[in-house]
């Protein structure tokens, strides 16, 4: 008569299987288990062990709307936010000039 395994025993076996690198068929054969039964427990346990994604509500900061600035250098047009510091705008223009 076959002994019935508890869910804790199945959990332990599936954990060993997951670390073994073997196929379900090979692991079942090595441990004298029915392949169909073991497949059922592998799917059941591995599915229940997956983490559930949680949605988190994030506050949205209200930034004052600004009119974008359009920079055109040597036929290349770049639109940037108007609140970018002038140093960065100068760097953007120099990069555009260097790429042409």
Foldseek 3Di string as FASTA:
>chain_A
DDDDDDLVVLLVLLVCVVPVPDDLVVSCVVVVHDSVVNVVSNCVNVVVPDDDDDDDDDDDDDDDQADWDWDADPNDIDTGGPPDDPVVVVVVNVVVVVVD
